[in-house]
Amino acid sequence: MLQASEETLLSVDSGKQHPSPFVKWAGGKASLLPDLLRHVPSHLSNYYEPFLGGGALFFAICARNTDFNAHLSDINNELINTYGVVKSKPDELIQLLSKFEHEYYRSKRMSNYFYEKRAWRPSNSIESAARLIFLNKTCYNGLYRVNSRGEFNVPFGRYKKPRILNAENIRAVSRALRDTNAELCSADYRTSLSICGKDDFVYLDPPYQPQSKTSSFTDYTPGGFSNETNMNSPRNLRNSSIEVARSCYQTQRPL
């Protein structure tokens, strides 16, 4: 189910190269883009996405037009830091990721190298961004999960030859973020949406309650998500002049 305006529809030009998510993310919307883009106005002024994750819809919109201001946020500090590094320091990030990739494939046991990087504590933003991307590409199912101490705890993924570095896409993503004057913020969605104004467009893709105790993907931060931080924002925005698109599923309900 989508709540959206009946503006002119927007679609992706599949023949044109465009930026795409540089990390895998639980609940990614790449397969739903044709349906989602039908609800996006052809002309945007301000675009808000407070549950950014992999950013599939944002990048699909950028494939056609970057003439808008993007306000991108997520409660995951490490993820937002990575977006910031991709935006402002893509070459430094590419250089470090290339080093990681080379070392990974030359290591005697790839799993050992993975766990070394998982236990490593970066000393700056570039190292932190490179670590997140490396772990994302080599961990089990590309999940992001932390324990109560904020330590990444997803196990090794056992892929034969994962692509750790995609330099062309990192540069394309960097251009898209700069061209849209992307404002990147690590904050609760209510804070992120507090400055929305008339005719702004908001895409809401919240986390959903797992159907079982073993299928939980809500531990993006040490505190996780709870019913207290669920999606009340559509109720607050519904009667305003802000255009809202929200992803929902018949088999799941928002946290």
Protein backbone atom coordinates (compact mmCIF):
# COMPACT_ATOMS: atom_id res chain seq x y z
CA MET A 1 0.00 0.00 0.00
CA LEU A 2 1.24 3.47 -0.85
CA GLN A 3 -0.06 6.83 0.18
CA ALA A 4 0.94 9.38 -2.43
CA SER A 5 -0.14 12.29 -4.56
CA GLU A 6 -1.57 11.89 -8.04
CA GLU A 7 1.19 13.95 -9.64
CA THR A 8 2.91 13.19 -12.91
CA LEU A 9 4.54 9.78 -12.75
CA LEU A 10 8.29 9.24 -12.82
CA SER A 11 10.06 6.15 -14.13
CA VAL A 12 13.61 4.88 -14.37
CA ASP A 13 15.44 4.94 -17.69
CA SER A 14 16.88 1.43 -17.64
CA GLY A 15 19.28 2.26 -20.47
CA LYS A 16 21.03 4.98 -18.54
CA GLN A 17 23.79 4.31 -16.02
CA HIS A 18 22.90 5.70 -12.63
CA PRO A 19 24.01 5.46 -9.01
CA SER A 20 22.73 2.51 -7.04
CA PRO A 21 22.92 1.43 -3.38
CA PHE A 22 26.52 0.85 -2.34
CA VAL A 23 25.46 -1.34 0.59
CA LYS A 24 22.98 -4.18 0.91
CA TRP A 25 20.27 -3.41 3.42
CA ALA A 26 17.48 -5.45 4.94
CA GLY A 27 14.19 -4.39 3.38
CA GLY A 28 15.83 -2.82 0.32
CA LYS A 29 13.37 -1.66 -2.32
CA ALA A 30 15.28 -2.26 -5.58
CA SER A 31 12.71 -4.81 -6.80
CA LEU A 32 9.83 -2.41 -6.10
CA LEU A 33 11.25 0.65 -7.85
CA PRO A 34 8.90 0.61 -10.86
CA ASP A 35 5.89 0.73 -8.52
CA LEU A 36 7.43 3.24 -6.12
CA LEU A 37 8.51 5.65 -8.85
CA ARG A 38 4.94 5.90 -10.11
CA HIS A 39 4.12 7.79 -6.92
CA VAL A 40 7.00 10.27 -7.14
CA PRO A 41 6.18 13.69 -8.66
CA SER A 42 8.16 14.58 -11.77
CA HIS A 43 9.33 17.83 -10.17
CA LEU A 44 10.72 17.91 -6.65
CA SER A 45 11.88 20.78 -4.51
CA ASN A 46 12.81 19.05 -1.25
CA TYR A 47 13.03 15.27 -0.85
CA TYR A 48 13.04 13.73 2.64
CA GLU A 49 13.90 10.13 3.44
CA PRO A 50 14.23 9.56 7.20
CA PHE A 51 14.76 5.78 7.05
CA LEU A 52 17.52 5.89 4.46
CA GLY A 53 19.10 2.43 4.57
CA GLY A 54 20.43 1.59 1.12
CA GLY A 55 18.65 4.55 -0.49
CA ALA A 56 17.35 2.66 -3.56
CA LEU A 57 14.50 5.08 -4.30
CA PHE A 58 16.66 8.17 -3.85
CA PHE A 59 19.25 6.85 -6.30
CA ALA A 60 16.57 5.85 -8.81
CA ILE A 61 15.18 9.40 -8.72
CA CYS A 62 18.69 10.77 -9.21
CA ALA A 63 18.99 8.69 -12.39
CA ARG A 64 16.49 11.01 -14.02
CA ASN A 65 16.92 14.31 -12.22
CA THR A 66 19.10 15.77 -9.47
CA ASP A 67 17.51 19.22 -9.53
CA PHE A 68 16.22 19.05 -5.96
CA ASN A 69 17.49 19.25 -2.40
CA ALA A 70 17.84 15.95 -0.57
CA HIS A 71 17.41 15.56 3.18
CA LEU A 72 18.59 12.05 4.01
CA SER A 73 18.67 10.63 7.50
CA ASP A 74 18.83 7.43 9.48
CA ILE A 75 19.18 6.63 13.15
CA ASN A 76 22.27 4.53 12.35
CA ASN A 77 25.29 6.79 12.98
CA GLU A 78 27.76 4.51 11.18
CA LEU A 79 25.62 4.37 8.06
CA ILE A 80 25.22 8.16 7.89
CA ASN A 81 28.96 8.61 8.40
CA THR A 82 29.55 6.31 5.42
CA TYR A 83 27.23 8.35 3.21
CA GLY A 84 29.11 11.47 4.28
CA VAL A 85 32.47 9.96 3.37
CA VAL A 86 31.14 8.76 0.00
CA LYS A 87 29.87 12.27 -0.66
CA SER A 88 32.97 14.24 0.32
CA LYS A 89 35.93 11.84 0.18
CA PRO A 90 35.21 9.16 -2.44
CA ASP A 91 38.79 8.79 -3.65
CA GLU A 92 40.20 8.23 -0.16
CA LEU A 93 37.46 5.68 0.52
CA ILE A 94 38.12 3.86 -2.76
CA GLN A 95 41.83 3.68 -1.99
CA LEU A 96 41.24 2.09 1.43
CA LEU A 97 38.57 -0.31 0.16
CA SER A 98 40.92 -1.40 -2.61
CA LYS A 99 43.50 -2.23 0.07
CA PHE A 100 40.95 -4.23 2.05
CA GLU A 101 39.85 -6.13 -1.04
CA HIS A 102 43.43 -6.98 -2.00
CA GLU A 103 44.27 -8.16 1.52
CA TYR A 104 41.05 -10.16 1.80
CA TYR A 105 41.68 -12.19 -1.35
CA ARG A 106 45.33 -12.78 -0.47
CA SER A 107 44.60 -13.94 3.06
CA LYS A 108 45.01 -17.66 3.80
CA ARG A 109 41.65 -17.78 5.56
CA MET A 110 39.16 -15.13 4.46
CA SER A 111 37.05 -15.75 7.54
CA ASN A 112 39.97 -14.81 9.79
CA TYR A 113 40.48 -11.56 7.90
CA PHE A 114 36.74 -10.84 8.22
CA TYR A 115 36.75 -11.33 11.99
CA GLU A 116 39.88 -9.20 12.33
CA LYS A 117 38.14 -6.33 10.56
CA ARG A 118 34.96 -6.93 12.57
CA ALA A 119 36.93 -6.56 15.82
CA TRP A 120 38.95 -3.57 14.53
CA ARG A 121 38.08 -0.12 15.86
CA PRO A 122 38.66 2.57 13.20
CA SER A 123 40.32 5.83 14.19
CA ASN A 124 38.66 8.16 11.66
CA SER A 125 35.57 8.56 9.47
CA ILE A 126 37.16 7.12 6.31
CA GLU A 127 38.29 3.97 8.10
CA SER A 128 34.85 3.59 9.65
CA ALA A 129 33.15 3.92 6.25
CA ALA A 130 35.50 1.43 4.60
CA ARG A 131 34.97 -1.04 7.44
CA LEU A 132 31.18 -0.80 7.17
CA ILE A 133 31.22 -1.41 3.41
CA PHE A 134 33.71 -4.27 3.72
CA LEU A 135 31.70 -6.01 6.45
CA ASN A 136 28.47 -5.41 4.56
CA LYS A 137 29.84 -7.12 1.44
CA THR A 138 31.36 -10.10 3.27
CA CYS A 139 29.04 -10.80 6.22
CA TYR A 140 26.05 -13.14 6.27
CA ASN A 141 23.32 -11.86 3.92
CA GLY A 142 24.66 -8.31 4.08
CA LEU A 143 22.91 -7.74 7.41
CA TYR A 144 23.66 -4.91 9.80
CA ARG A 145 23.15 -5.90 13.42
CA VAL A 146 24.79 -4.76 16.65
CA ASN A 147 24.69 -5.97 20.23
CA SER A 148 23.79 -3.94 23.31
CA ARG A 149 27.32 -2.48 23.36
CA GLY A 150 26.98 -1.27 19.77
CA GLU A 151 29.37 -3.91 18.41
CA PHE A 152 28.72 -5.35 14.96
CA ASN A 153 28.01 -9.06 15.47
CA VAL A 154 26.90 -10.54 12.13
CA PRO A 155 28.95 -13.67 11.24
CA PHE A 156 31.07 -14.34 8.16
CA GLY A 157 29.10 -14.78 4.94
CA ARG A 158 31.15 -17.47 3.16
CA TYR A 159 30.68 -15.95 -0.29
CA LYS A 160 33.09 -17.30 -2.91
CA LYS A 161 34.10 -13.95 -4.38
CA PRO A 162 32.08 -10.96 -3.20
CA ARG A 163 32.62 -7.65 -4.94
CA ILE A 164 33.91 -5.45 -2.16
CA LEU A 165 34.83 -2.39 -4.20
CA ASN A 166 32.76 -0.82 -6.97
CA ALA A 167 34.69 2.37 -7.56
CA GLU A 168 32.51 3.53 -10.46
CA ASN A 169 29.36 3.34 -8.36
CA ILE A 170 30.94 5.07 -5.36
CA ARG A 171 31.88 7.99 -7.62
CA ALA A 172 28.38 8.04 -9.15
CA VAL A 173 26.80 8.04 -5.69
CA SER A 174 29.16 10.82 -4.61
CA ARG A 175 28.07 12.96 -7.58
CA ALA A 176 24.39 12.33 -6.83
CA LEU A 177 24.80 13.36 -3.20
CA ARG A 178 26.67 16.51 -4.16
CA ASP A 179 24.35 17.42 -7.04
CA THR A 180 21.33 17.24 -4.74
CA ASN A 181 23.10 19.19 -1.98
CA ALA A 182 22.36 16.21 0.23
CA GLU A 183 21.97 17.05 3.90
CA LEU A 184 22.93 13.93 5.86
CA CYS A 185 21.74 13.58 9.42
CA SER A 186 21.81 10.84 12.03
CA ALA A 187 18.57 11.43 13.88
CA ASP A 188 15.19 10.06 14.85
CA TYR A 189 12.66 10.38 12.03
CA ARG A 190 10.56 12.84 14.03
CA THR A 191 13.52 15.22 14.30
CA SER A 192 14.36 14.75 10.62
CA LEU A 193 10.83 15.60 9.49
CA SER A 194 10.31 18.52 11.85
CA ILE A 195 11.47 21.04 9.22
CA CYS A 196 9.31 19.78 6.35
CA GLY A 197 7.42 22.51 4.55
CA LYS A 198 4.75 23.05 1.95
CA ASP A 199 5.06 20.86 -1.17
CA ASP A 200 8.00 18.88 0.22
CA PHE A 201 8.03 15.18 -0.67
CA VAL A 202 8.59 12.54 2.03
CA TYR A 203 9.30 8.85 1.50
CA LEU A 204 8.75 6.71 4.60
CA ASP A 205 10.10 3.18 4.69
CA PRO A 206 10.09 2.18 8.37
CA PRO A 207 11.35 -1.03 9.94
CA TYR A 208 8.68 -3.67 10.44
CA GLN A 209 7.92 -6.02 13.27
CA PRO A 210 9.45 -9.45 12.63
CA GLN A 211 7.02 -12.33 12.20
CA SER A 212 9.09 -14.47 14.55
CA LYS A 213 11.76 -14.02 17.23
CA THR A 214 14.42 -15.39 14.89
CA SER A 215 13.63 -13.05 11.98
CA SER A 216 14.34 -9.77 13.73
CA PHE A 217 16.25 -7.12 11.75
CA THR A 218 15.62 -4.25 14.16
CA ASP A 219 19.00 -4.11 15.91
CA TYR A 220 20.49 -1.32 13.77
CA THR A 221 21.48 0.52 16.94
CA PRO A 222 22.23 -0.64 20.52
CA GLY A 223 18.68 0.30 21.57
CA GLY A 224 17.02 -1.20 18.49
CA PHE A 225 13.56 -0.07 17.37
CA SER A 226 10.44 -0.38 19.44
CA ASN A 227 6.75 0.45 19.38
CA GLU A 228 7.60 3.74 21.06
CA THR A 229 9.59 4.81 18.00
CA ASN A 230 7.15 3.52 15.41
CA MET A 231 5.62 5.24 12.44
CA ASN A 232 3.34 7.91 13.86
CA SER A 233 4.64 10.42 11.32
CA PRO A 234 2.11 9.63 8.55
CA ARG A 235 -0.67 10.54 11.00
CA ASN A 236 1.06 13.85 11.69
CA LEU A 237 1.68 14.64 8.03
CA ARG A 238 -1.55 13.36 6.48
CA ASN A 239 -3.50 16.59 6.90
CA SER A 240 -0.63 18.85 5.88
CA SER A 241 0.44 20.10 2.46
CA ILE A 242 3.40 17.71 2.51
CA GLU A 243 3.27 14.88 -0.03
CA VAL A 244 3.86 11.52 1.65
CA ALA A 245 4.67 8.13 0.16
CA ARG A 246 4.84 5.25 2.57
CA SER A 247 5.76 1.61 1.97
CA CYS A 248 3.59 -1.02 3.66
CA TYR A 249 3.20 -4.77 3.49
CA GLN A 250 0.10 -6.91 3.92
CA THR A 251 1.96 -9.53 5.97
CA GLN A 252 3.78 -7.12 8.23
CA ARG A 253 2.99 -4.10 10.34
CA PRO A 254 5.25 -1.19 11.24
CA LEU A 255 7.06 -1.32 14.56
